[in-house]
Amino acid sequence: MENHRIFIVEDDKKIAQLLADTLRKYQYDVAIVADFDQVTAESLAFNPHLILLDINLPSYDGYYWCRQLRQHTMCPILFISARSGDMDQVFALENGGDDFITKPFHYEIVLAKIRSHLRRTFGEYAPNQSERTVKIGALHLYIERMELHIRENNVPLQKKECVILELLMDAAPKVVSREKLLEELWDDQSFVDENTLNVNMTRVRKKLADYAIKSSIETVRGAGYRFIVAPEES
């Protein structure tokens, strides 16, 4: 069974290394952020099951990075911070965090919270044991993983790309209106307009083409979009 991956975003090198060493003793795969201007990019590359995120960071604070990360992942994000005020915890939760751990902390508490969130998200306490998927012929969309599989190809997706594909594949061969797509792409953290939809639609189409997936997304003028399955993939 695959070990759970934990991504640490902490600028105190000693604390980050102690956390990593402790977690590895319990068979977790761990990565520590290297470039604090590339938190989102490094997280996407590592594809963690859980993120430990400090608030006071170089360049941008943890609240900012949590909002950015929430555009790409729904994995648990646990804030770890020396700040202990009530409003700090409120801001952490309102910006997309799942829990708040105050420094200095006992590593047993950190481990217990990590296990608890992983169980609720991926384990025996998960609300739905079977993954949400959409399947059309050889195309298989894994929604929680944000991955599209077709034969030997495993295509990683960003959050909005995954939402678009889920809606279109689930409705195929029916048309999905632009209004419906915009409504589903909207979240509390980012404004979604026509250009946002167009940019993400272009990205989805490019990924289908780049991975030699013959299925395509058809624009239906005045109505919306429709997912067209290629005969060899049906």
C-alpha atoms as a PDB file:
ATOM      1  CA  MET A   1       0.000   0.000   0.000  1.00  0.00           C
ATOM      2  CA  GLU A   2       1.264   3.484  -0.882  1.00  0.00           C
ATOM      3  CA  ASN A   3       2.593   5.514   2.053  1.00  0.00           C
ATOM      4  CA  HIS A   4       0.831   8.782   2.689  1.00  0.00           C
ATOM      5  CA  ARG A   5       2.758  11.817   1.484  1.00  0.00           C
ATOM      6  CA  ILE A   6       3.103  14.880   3.739  1.00  0.00           C
ATOM      7  CA  PHE A   7       4.352  18.248   2.510  1.00  0.00           C
ATOM      8  CA  ILE A   8       5.908  20.609   5.100  1.00  0.00           C
ATOM      9  CA  VAL A   9       5.873  24.382   4.537  1.00  0.00           C
ATOM     10  CA  GLU A  10       7.903  25.728   7.465  1.00  0.00           C
ATOM     11  CA  ASP A  11      10.724  28.301   7.315  1.00  0.00           C
ATOM     12  CA  ASP A  12      12.339  27.260  10.608  1.00  0.00           C
ATOM     13  CA  LYS A  13      14.742  24.656   9.229  1.00  0.00           C
ATOM     14  CA  LYS A  14      15.226  22.948  12.589  1.00  0.00           C
ATOM     15  CA  ILE A  15      11.482  22.499  13.174  1.00  0.00           C
ATOM     16  CA  ALA A  16      10.922  21.386   9.577  1.00  0.00           C
ATOM     17  CA  GLN A  17      13.665  18.766   9.792  1.00  0.00           C
ATOM     18  CA  LEU A  18      12.499  17.467  13.188  1.00  0.00           C
ATOM     19  CA  LEU A  19       8.968  17.141  11.828  1.00  0.00           C
ATOM     20  CA  ALA A  20      10.224  15.335   8.740  1.00  0.00           C
ATOM     21  CA  ASP A  21      12.432  12.948  10.742  1.00  0.00           C
ATOM     22  CA  THR A  22       9.588  12.131  13.144  1.00  0.00           C
ATOM     23  CA  LEU A  23       7.073  11.510  10.350  1.00  0.00           C
ATOM     24  CA  ARG A  24       9.484   9.293   8.421  1.00  0.00           C
ATOM     25  CA  LYS A  25       9.842   7.083  11.505  1.00  0.00           C
ATOM     26  CA  TYR A  26       6.148   6.351  11.089  1.00  0.00           C
ATOM     27  CA  GLN A  27       6.536   5.441   7.398  1.00  0.00           C
ATOM     28  CA  TYR A  28       5.235   8.690   5.919  1.00  0.00           C
ATOM     29  CA  ASP A  29       6.795  10.045   2.728  1.00  0.00           C
ATOM     30  CA  VAL A  30       7.840  13.616   3.492  1.00  0.00           C
ATOM     31  CA  ALA A  31       8.982  16.614   1.463  1.00  0.00           C
ATOM     32  CA  ILE A  32      10.010  20.027   2.810  1.00  0.00           C
ATOM     33  CA  VAL A  33       9.449  23.110   0.681  1.00  0.00           C
ATOM     34  CA  ALA A  34      12.698  24.352  -0.878  1.00  0.00           C
ATOM     35  CA  ASP A  35      11.632  27.656  -2.470  1.00  0.00           C
ATOM     36  CA  PHE A  36       9.104  29.778  -0.585  1.00  0.00           C
ATOM     37  CA  ASP A  37       8.141  31.544  -3.804  1.00  0.00           C
ATOM     38  CA  GLN A  38       7.170  28.186  -5.363  1.00  0.00           C
ATOM     39  CA  VAL A  39       5.024  26.596  -2.644  1.00  0.00           C
ATOM     40  CA  THR A  40       2.145  25.720  -4.954  1.00  0.00           C
ATOM     41  CA  ALA A  41       4.388  24.373  -7.726  1.00  0.00           C
ATOM     42  CA  GLU A  42       6.373  22.181  -5.328  1.00  0.00           C
ATOM     43  CA  SER A  43       3.171  20.903  -3.728  1.00  0.00           C
ATOM     44  CA  LEU A  44       1.687  19.985  -7.119  1.00  0.00           C
ATOM     45  CA  ALA A  45       4.877  18.125  -8.040  1.00  0.00           C
ATOM     46  CA  PHE A  46       4.837  16.137  -4.765  1.00  0.00           C
ATOM     47  CA  ASN A  47       1.043  15.606  -4.786  1.00  0.00           C
ATOM     48  CA  PRO A  48       0.675  15.291  -0.981  1.00  0.00           C
ATOM     49  CA  HIS A  49      -2.109  13.641   0.987  1.00  0.00           C
ATOM     50  CA  LEU A  50      -1.703  16.273   3.743  1.00  0.00           C
ATOM     51  CA  ILE A  51       0.058  19.619   4.134  1.00  0.00           C
ATOM     52  CA  LEU A  52       1.589  21.180   7.276  1.00  0.00           C
ATOM     53  CA  LEU A  53       1.647  24.950   6.764  1.00  0.00           C
ATOM     54  CA  ASP A  54       3.185  27.724   8.891  1.00  0.00           C
ATOM     55  CA  ILE A  55       1.680  31.241   8.896  1.00  0.00           C
ATOM     56  CA  ASN A  56       4.809  33.416   9.122  1.00  0.00           C
ATOM     57  CA  LEU A  57       6.688  32.701   5.916  1.00  0.00           C
ATOM     58  CA  PRO A  58       9.012  34.642   3.591  1.00  0.00           C
ATOM     59  CA  SER A  59       7.366  36.665   0.800  1.00  0.00           C
ATOM     60  CA  TYR A  60       3.749  35.575   1.408  1.00  0.00           C
ATOM     61  CA  ASP A  61       2.082  34.291   4.559  1.00  0.00           C
ATOM     62  CA  GLY A  62       0.435  30.906   5.089  1.00  0.00           C
ATOM     63  CA  TYR A  63      -3.057  32.309   4.572  1.00  0.00           C
ATOM     64  CA  TYR A  64      -2.096  33.352   1.033  1.00  0.00           C
ATOM     65  CA  TRP A  65      -0.549  29.982   0.235  1.00  0.00           C
ATOM     66  CA  CYS A  66      -3.529  28.120   1.647  1.00  0.00           C
ATOM     67  CA  ARG A  67      -5.839  29.999  -0.742  1.00  0.00           C
ATOM     68  CA  GLN A  68      -3.519  29.181  -3.651  1.00  0.00           C
ATOM     69  CA  LEU A  69      -3.271  25.510  -2.689  1.00  0.00           C
ATOM     70  CA  ARG A  70      -7.046  25.208  -2.342  1.00  0.00           C
ATOM     71  CA  GLN A  71      -7.358  25.946  -6.061  1.00  0.00           C
ATOM     72  CA  HIS A  72      -5.523  22.689  -6.760  1.00  0.00           C
ATOM     73  CA  THR A  73      -6.099  20.273  -3.885  1.00  0.00           C
ATOM     74  CA  MET A  74      -8.708  19.262  -1.334  1.00  0.00           C
ATOM     75  CA  CYS A  75      -6.237  17.395   0.886  1.00  0.00           C
ATOM     76  CA  PRO A  76      -6.158  18.323   4.605  1.00  0.00           C
ATOM     77  CA  ILE A  77      -4.131  21.458   5.391  1.00  0.00           C
ATOM     78  CA  LEU A  78      -3.007  21.796   9.013  1.00  0.00           C
ATOM     79  CA  PHE A  79      -1.651  25.152  10.134  1.00  0.00           C
ATOM     80  CA  ILE A  80       1.302  25.060  12.556  1.00  0.00           C
ATOM     81  CA  SER A  81       2.103  28.425  14.098  1.00  0.00           C
ATOM     82  CA  ALA A  82       3.444  30.244  17.144  1.00  0.00           C
ATOM     83  CA  ARG A  83       0.459  32.560  16.820  1.00  0.00           C
ATOM     84  CA  SER A  84      -2.173  31.576  19.354  1.00  0.00           C
ATOM     85  CA  GLY A  85      -4.846  34.248  19.057  1.00  0.00           C
ATOM     86  CA  ASP A  86      -8.441  33.321  18.341  1.00  0.00           C
ATOM     87  CA  MET A  87      -8.499  35.401  15.148  1.00  0.00           C
ATOM     88  CA  ASP A  88      -5.378  33.657  13.833  1.00  0.00           C
ATOM     89  CA  GLN A  89      -7.234  30.365  14.089  1.00  0.00           C
ATOM     90  CA  VAL A  90     -10.357  31.887  12.538  1.00  0.00           C
ATOM     91  CA  PHE A  91      -8.334  33.253   9.584  1.00  0.00           C
ATOM     92  CA  ALA A  92      -6.643  29.881   9.124  1.00  0.00           C
ATOM     93  CA  LEU A  93      -9.970  28.056   8.871  1.00  0.00           C
ATOM     94  CA  GLU A  94     -11.651  30.735   6.759  1.00  0.00           C
ATOM     95  CA  ASN A  95      -8.762  30.690   4.268  1.00  0.00           C
ATOM     96  CA  GLY A  96      -9.122  26.959   3.658  1.00  0.00           C
ATOM     97  CA  GLY A  97      -7.323  25.279   6.548  1.00  0.00           C
ATOM     98  CA  ASP A  98      -8.664  22.185   8.299  1.00  0.00           C
ATOM     99  CA  ASP A  99      -6.961  22.445  11.683  1.00  0.00           C
ATOM    100  CA  PHE A 100      -4.615  24.629  13.745  1.00  0.00           C
ATOM    101  CA  ILE A 101      -1.687  23.453  15.888  1.00  0.00           C
ATOM    102  CA  THR A 102       0.000  25.987  18.171  1.00  0.00           C
ATOM    103  CA  LYS A 103       3.787  26.031  18.665  1.00  0.00           C
ATOM    104  CA  PRO A 104       5.496  24.799  20.736  1.00  0.00           C
ATOM    105  CA  PHE A 105       3.736  21.503  20.164  1.00  0.00           C
ATOM    106  CA  HIS A 106       4.143  17.908  21.266  1.00  0.00           C
ATOM    107  CA  TYR A 107       4.952  15.675  18.319  1.00  0.00           C
ATOM    108  CA  GLU A 108       2.462  13.111  19.623  1.00  0.00           C
ATOM    109  CA  ILE A 109      -0.305  15.714  19.152  1.00  0.00           C
ATOM    110  CA  VAL A 110       0.860  16.485  15.629  1.00  0.00           C
ATOM    111  CA  LEU A 111       0.941  12.780  14.749  1.00  0.00           C
ATOM    112  CA  ALA A 112      -2.502  12.209  16.266  1.00  0.00           C
ATOM    113  CA  LYS A 113      -4.014  15.069  14.276  1.00  0.00           C
ATOM    114  CA  ILE A 114      -2.329  13.885  11.068  1.00  0.00           C
ATOM    115  CA  ARG A 115      -3.671  10.353  11.562  1.00  0.00           C
ATOM    116  CA  SER A 116      -7.134  11.691  12.356  1.00  0.00           C
ATOM    117  CA  HIS A 117      -7.351  13.834   9.218  1.00  0.00           C
ATOM    118  CA  LEU A 118      -5.932  11.088   6.995  1.00  0.00           C
ATOM    119  CA  ARG A 119      -8.468   8.592   8.379  1.00  0.00           C
ATOM    120  CA  ARG A 120     -11.331  11.001   7.760  1.00  0.00           C
ATOM    121  CA  THR A 121     -10.153  11.830   4.258  1.00  0.00           C
ATOM    122  CA  PHE A 122      -8.726   8.549   2.973  1.00  0.00           C
ATOM    123  CA  GLY A 123      -9.307   5.860   5.596  1.00  0.00           C
ATOM    124  CA  GLU A 124     -12.009   4.063   7.514  1.00  0.00           C
ATOM    125  CA  TYR A 125     -13.785   7.278   8.535  1.00  0.00           C
ATOM    126  CA  ALA A 126     -13.941   8.727   5.020  1.00  0.00           C
ATOM    127  CA  PRO A 127     -17.554   9.632   4.160  1.00  0.00           C
ATOM    128  CA  ASN A 128     -17.437   7.607   0.960  1.00  0.00           C
ATOM    129  CA  GLN A 129     -15.127   4.613   0.774  1.00  0.00           C
ATOM    130  CA  SER A 130     -15.386   4.307  -3.014  1.00  0.00           C
ATOM    131  CA  GLU A 131     -13.731   7.054  -4.987  1.00  0.00           C
ATOM    132  CA  ARG A 132     -15.916   9.349  -7.032  1.00  0.00           C
ATOM    133  CA  THR A 133     -15.179   8.565 -10.652  1.00  0.00           C
ATOM    134  CA  VAL A 134     -16.638   9.222 -14.073  1.00  0.00           C
ATOM    135  CA  LYS A 135     -15.981   6.628 -16.777  1.00  0.00           C
ATOM    136  CA  ILE A 136     -16.592   6.852 -20.509  1.00  0.00           C
ATOM    137  CA  GLY A 137     -15.160   3.935 -22.474  1.00  0.00           C
ATOM    138  CA  ALA A 138     -11.416   3.866 -21.835  1.00  0.00           C
ATOM    139  CA  LEU A 139     -11.480   7.297 -20.193  1.00  0.00           C
ATOM    140  CA  HIS A 140     -11.562   7.168 -16.393  1.00  0.00           C
ATOM    141  CA  LEU A 141     -11.663  10.383 -14.332  1.00  0.00           C
ATOM    142  CA  TYR A 142     -10.618  10.048 -10.679  1.00  0.00           C
ATOM    143  CA  ILE A 143     -12.142  13.136  -9.070  1.00  0.00           C
ATOM    144  CA  GLU A 144     -10.520  13.095  -5.619  1.00  0.00           C
ATOM    145  CA  ARG A 145      -7.109  12.364  -7.150  1.00  0.00           C
ATOM    146  CA  MET A 146      -7.682  14.962  -9.908  1.00  0.00           C
ATOM    147  CA  GLU A 147      -6.365  12.531 -12.525  1.00  0.00           C
ATOM    148  CA  LEU A 148      -7.625  11.368 -15.910  1.00  0.00           C
ATOM    149  CA  HIS A 149      -6.582   7.847 -16.910  1.00  0.00           C
ATOM    150  CA  ILE A 150      -6.715   6.383 -20.397  1.00  0.00           C
ATOM    151  CA  ARG A 151      -4.905   3.122 -21.047  1.00  0.00           C
ATOM    152  CA  GLU A 152      -1.213   3.823 -20.316  1.00  0.00           C
ATOM    153  CA  ASN A 153      -1.697   7.571 -19.856  1.00  0.00           C
ATOM    154  CA  ASN A 154      -2.148   9.118 -16.406  1.00  0.00           C
ATOM    155  CA  VAL A 155      -2.987  12.813 -16.844  1.00  0.00           C
ATOM    156  CA  PRO A 156      -2.722  15.094 -13.757  1.00  0.00           C
ATOM    157  CA  LEU A 157      -5.333  17.852 -13.572  1.00  0.00           C
ATOM    158  CA  GLN A 158      -5.718  21.110 -11.744  1.00  0.00           C
ATOM    159  CA  LYS A 159      -8.875  21.616  -9.672  1.00  0.00           C
ATOM    160  CA  LYS A 160     -10.818  23.705 -12.194  1.00  0.00           C
ATOM    161  CA  GLU A 161      -9.778  21.415 -15.057  1.00  0.00           C
ATOM    162  CA  CYS A 162     -11.100  18.459 -13.090  1.00  0.00           C
ATOM    163  CA  VAL A 163     -14.416  20.233 -12.433  1.00  0.00           C
ATOM    164  CA  ILE A 164     -14.832  20.952 -16.152  1.00  0.00           C
ATOM    165  CA  LEU A 165     -14.100  17.364 -17.166  1.00  0.00           C
ATOM    166  CA  GLU A 166     -16.372  15.941 -14.461  1.00  0.00           C
ATOM    167  CA  LEU A 167     -19.312  18.061 -15.632  1.00  0.00           C
ATOM    168  CA  LEU A 168     -18.774  17.386 -19.326  1.00  0.00           C
ATOM    169  CA  MET A 169     -18.073  13.656 -19.024  1.00  0.00           C
ATOM    170  CA  ASP A 170     -20.941  13.115 -16.596  1.00  0.00           C
ATOM    171  CA  ALA A 171     -23.376  14.872 -18.948  1.00  0.00           C
ATOM    172  CA  ALA A 172     -22.060  13.438 -22.233  1.00  0.00           C
ATOM    173  CA  PRO A 173     -23.357  13.501 -24.893  1.00  0.00           C
ATOM    174  CA  LYS A 174     -25.566  16.332 -23.615  1.00  0.00           C
ATOM    175  CA  VAL A 175     -24.498  19.981 -23.740  1.00  0.00           C
ATOM    176  CA  VAL A 176     -23.411  21.731 -20.531  1.00  0.00           C
ATOM    177  CA  SER A 177     -24.150  25.455 -20.528  1.00  0.00           C
ATOM    178  CA  ARG A 178     -21.497  28.084 -19.861  1.00  0.00           C
ATOM    179  CA  GLU A 179     -23.648  29.306 -16.976  1.00  0.00           C
ATOM    180  CA  LYS A 180     -23.561  25.869 -15.327  1.00  0.00           C
ATOM    181  CA  LEU A 181     -19.796  25.610 -15.764  1.00  0.00           C
ATOM    182  CA  LEU A 182     -19.231  29.081 -14.307  1.00  0.00           C
ATOM    183  CA  GLU A 183     -21.478  28.266 -11.364  1.00  0.00           C
ATOM    184  CA  GLU A 184     -19.574  25.067 -10.561  1.00  0.00           C
ATOM    185  CA  LEU A 185     -16.147  26.681 -11.029  1.00  0.00           C
ATOM    186  CA  TRP A 186     -16.997  29.437  -8.563  1.00  0.00           C
ATOM    187  CA  ASP A 187     -15.555  29.118  -5.065  1.00  0.00           C
ATOM    188  CA  ASP A 188     -15.180  31.375  -2.054  1.00  0.00           C
ATOM    189  CA  GLN A 189     -11.557  32.185  -2.755  1.00  0.00           C
ATOM    190  CA  SER A 190     -11.434  33.286  -6.372  1.00  0.00           C
ATOM    191  CA  PHE A 191     -13.594  35.223  -8.805  1.00  0.00           C
ATOM    192  CA  VAL A 192     -14.567  33.214 -11.855  1.00  0.00           C
ATOM    193  CA  ASP A 193     -15.414  35.049 -15.064  1.00  0.00           C
ATOM    194  CA  GLU A 194     -15.760  34.152 -18.743  1.00  0.00           C
ATOM    195  CA  ASN A 195     -12.007  34.474 -19.294  1.00  0.00           C
ATOM    196  CA  THR A 196     -11.264  32.067 -16.422  1.00  0.00           C
ATOM    197  CA  LEU A 197     -13.561  29.507 -18.045  1.00  0.00           C
ATOM    198  CA  ASN A 198     -11.970  30.028 -21.471  1.00  0.00           C
ATOM    199  CA  VAL A 199      -8.421  29.648 -20.088  1.00  0.00           C
ATOM    200  CA  ASN A 200      -9.237  26.444 -18.222  1.00  0.00           C
ATOM    201  CA  MET A 201     -11.187  25.012 -21.168  1.00  0.00           C
ATOM    202  CA  THR A 202      -8.139  25.620 -23.386  1.00  0.00           C
ATOM    203  CA  ARG A 203      -5.915  23.831 -20.845  1.00  0.00           C
ATOM    204  CA  VAL A 204      -8.218  20.809 -20.723  1.00  0.00           C
ATOM    205  CA  ARG A 205      -8.321  20.571 -24.513  1.00  0.00           C
ATOM    206  CA  LYS A 206      -4.523  20.863 -24.707  1.00  0.00           C
ATOM    207  CA  LYS A 207      -4.045  18.069 -22.168  1.00  0.00           C
ATOM    208  CA  LEU A 208      -6.380  15.797 -24.104  1.00  0.00           C
ATOM    209  CA  ALA A 209      -4.348  16.512 -27.249  1.00  0.00           C
ATOM    210  CA  ASP A 210      -0.927  16.281 -25.576  1.00  0.00           C
ATOM    211  CA  TYR A 211      -1.669  12.809 -24.210  1.00  0.00           C
ATOM    212  CA  ALA A 212      -2.960  11.514 -27.548  1.00  0.00           C
ATOM    213  CA  ILE A 213      -6.522  11.337 -26.239  1.00  0.00           C
ATOM    214  CA  LYS A 214      -8.721  11.522 -29.324  1.00  0.00           C
ATOM    215  CA  SER A 215     -11.859  12.523 -27.441  1.00  0.00           C
ATOM    216  CA  SER A 216     -12.550  16.239 -27.598  1.00  0.00           C
ATOM    217  CA  ILE A 217     -14.651  19.078 -26.238  1.00  0.00           C
ATOM    218  CA  GLU A 218     -16.983  20.625 -28.777  1.00  0.00           C
ATOM    219  CA  THR A 219     -18.180  24.219 -28.525  1.00  0.00           C
ATOM    220  CA  VAL A 220     -21.906  24.450 -29.211  1.00  0.00           C
ATOM    221  CA  ARG A 221     -22.496  28.035 -30.267  1.00  0.00           C
ATOM    222  CA  GLY A 222     -24.999  29.852 -28.087  1.00  0.00           C
ATOM    223  CA  ALA A 223     -25.441  26.830 -25.800  1.00  0.00           C
ATOM    224  CA  GLY A 224     -22.216  25.671 -24.140  1.00  0.00           C
ATOM    225  CA  TYR A 225     -19.898  22.671 -24.486  1.00  0.00           C
ATOM    226  CA  ARG A 226     -20.264  18.958 -25.192  1.00  0.00           C
ATOM    227  CA  PHE A 227     -17.844  16.081 -24.592  1.00  0.00           C
ATOM    228  CA  ILE A 228     -17.339  14.021 -27.743  1.00  0.00           C
ATOM    229  CA  VAL A 229     -15.927  10.504 -27.315  1.00  0.00           C
ATOM    230  CA  ALA A 230     -13.712   9.241 -30.132  1.00  0.00           C
ATOM    231  CA  PRO A 231     -14.907   5.898 -31.604  1.00  0.00           C
ATOM    232  CA  GLU A 232     -11.632   4.120 -30.743  1.00  0.00           C
ATOM    233  CA  GLU A 233     -12.009   5.191 -27.113  1.00  0.00           C
ATOM    234  CA  SER A 234     -15.669   4.288 -26.667  1.00  0.00           C
END
